[in-house]
Amino acid sequence: MLLQMGVLAISIALLAYQLWVSRLVIRSTAFDSRQKCLQLVLVWLVPLFAALLVHAVQRADAQKRTCDPDHHFVENSLDVSQGGLDR
């Protein structure tokens, strides 16, 4: 009985992780539709290993985009010297 509960808990956790990674893939703007479909097929055909691999690719792409030197950030307009955050 305890073994069955453990297997069930691991299965639910794996399913939740695969759903989360699938959501990351679907919402990604870095890949075209074909690449997204291939990643989703991979995630669901080879459950844990593929989900970890696709998750790593998604994270690497997100980090690359935030470190891109051509990415322009908007300067914060809140002037802290005039008590903007001290109130």
Protein backbone atom coordinates (compact mmCIF):
# COMPACT_ATOMS: atom_id res chain seq x y z
CA MET A 1 0.00 0.00 0.00
CA LEU A 2 2.80 2.43 0.93
CA LEU A 3 4.66 1.56 -2.27
CA GLN A 4 1.55 2.27 -4.35
CA MET A 5 1.13 5.66 -2.66
CA GLY A 6 4.77 6.50 -3.42
CA VAL A 7 4.40 5.51 -7.07
CA LEU A 8 1.22 7.56 -7.30
CA ALA A 9 2.91 10.61 -5.74
CA ILE A 10 5.87 10.34 -8.12
CA SER A 11 3.54 9.93 -11.09
CA ILE A 12 1.55 13.01 -10.12
CA ALA A 13 4.74 15.03 -9.63
CA LEU A 14 6.06 13.92 -13.04
CA LEU A 15 2.77 14.78 -14.72
CA ALA A 16 2.73 18.22 -13.07
CA TYR A 17 6.33 18.86 -14.18
CA GLN A 18 5.57 17.81 -17.76
CA LEU A 19 2.52 20.09 -17.83
CA TRP A 20 4.61 22.99 -16.50
CA VAL A 21 7.36 22.45 -19.09
CA SER A 22 4.71 22.13 -21.82
CA ARG A 23 3.32 25.49 -20.73
CA LEU A 24 6.81 27.02 -20.93
CA VAL A 25 7.21 25.70 -24.46
CA ILE A 26 3.82 26.92 -25.62
CA ARG A 27 4.33 30.42 -24.18
CA SER A 28 7.88 30.76 -25.52
CA THR A 29 8.44 33.38 -28.20
CA ALA A 30 11.94 32.17 -29.06
CA PHE A 31 10.88 29.13 -31.11
CA ASP A 32 8.69 28.72 -34.18
CA SER A 33 5.64 26.45 -34.22
CA ARG A 34 7.53 23.48 -35.67
CA GLN A 35 10.18 23.59 -32.95
CA LYS A 36 7.53 23.94 -30.26
CA CYS A 37 5.66 20.89 -31.59
CA LEU A 38 8.85 18.83 -31.67
CA GLN A 39 9.71 19.86 -28.12
CA LEU A 40 6.22 18.99 -26.90
CA VAL A 41 6.33 15.58 -28.59
CA LEU A 42 9.71 14.93 -27.02
CA VAL A 43 8.48 15.95 -23.55
CA TRP A 44 5.51 13.58 -23.72
CA LEU A 45 7.21 10.62 -25.45
CA VAL A 46 10.26 10.50 -23.17
CA PRO A 47 8.76 11.84 -19.93
CA LEU A 48 11.40 12.82 -17.38
CA PHE A 49 14.60 13.05 -19.41
CA ALA A 50 13.02 15.04 -22.24
CA ALA A 51 11.20 17.38 -19.85
CA LEU A 52 14.49 18.12 -18.08
CA LEU A 53 16.25 18.69 -21.40
CA VAL A 54 13.58 21.01 -22.78
CA HIS A 55 13.41 22.88 -19.46
CA ALA A 56 17.19 23.44 -19.61
CA VAL A 57 16.92 24.77 -23.18
CA GLN A 58 14.09 27.11 -22.18
CA ARG A 59 16.08 28.43 -19.20
CA ALA A 60 19.22 28.93 -21.30
CA ASP A 61 17.24 30.86 -23.90
CA ALA A 62 15.58 33.03 -21.24
CA GLN A 63 18.96 33.82 -19.67
CA LYS A 64 20.44 34.62 -23.07
CA ARG A 65 17.64 37.07 -23.80
CA THR A 66 18.04 38.87 -20.45
CA CYS A 67 21.83 39.14 -20.92
CA ASP A 68 21.60 40.31 -24.53
CA PRO A 69 23.62 43.54 -24.88
CA ASP A 70 21.19 44.84 -27.54
CA HIS A 71 18.32 44.60 -25.07
CA HIS A 72 17.40 48.08 -23.88
CA PHE A 73 16.02 48.49 -20.38
CA VAL A 74 13.72 51.32 -19.39
CA GLU A 75 15.21 53.44 -16.65
CA ASN A 76 13.25 53.62 -13.40
CA SER A 77 11.54 57.01 -13.11
CA LEU A 78 11.15 56.83 -9.32
CA ASP A 79 13.59 59.23 -7.70
CA VAL A 80 14.70 57.62 -4.44
CA SER A 81 16.64 60.72 -3.36
CA GLN A 82 13.38 62.62 -2.98
CA GLY A 83 11.85 60.11 -0.62
CA GLY A 84 10.09 57.96 -3.20
CA LEU A 85 10.77 54.71 -1.34
CA ASP A 86 11.22 56.04 2.20
CA ARG A 87 7.59 56.90 2.79
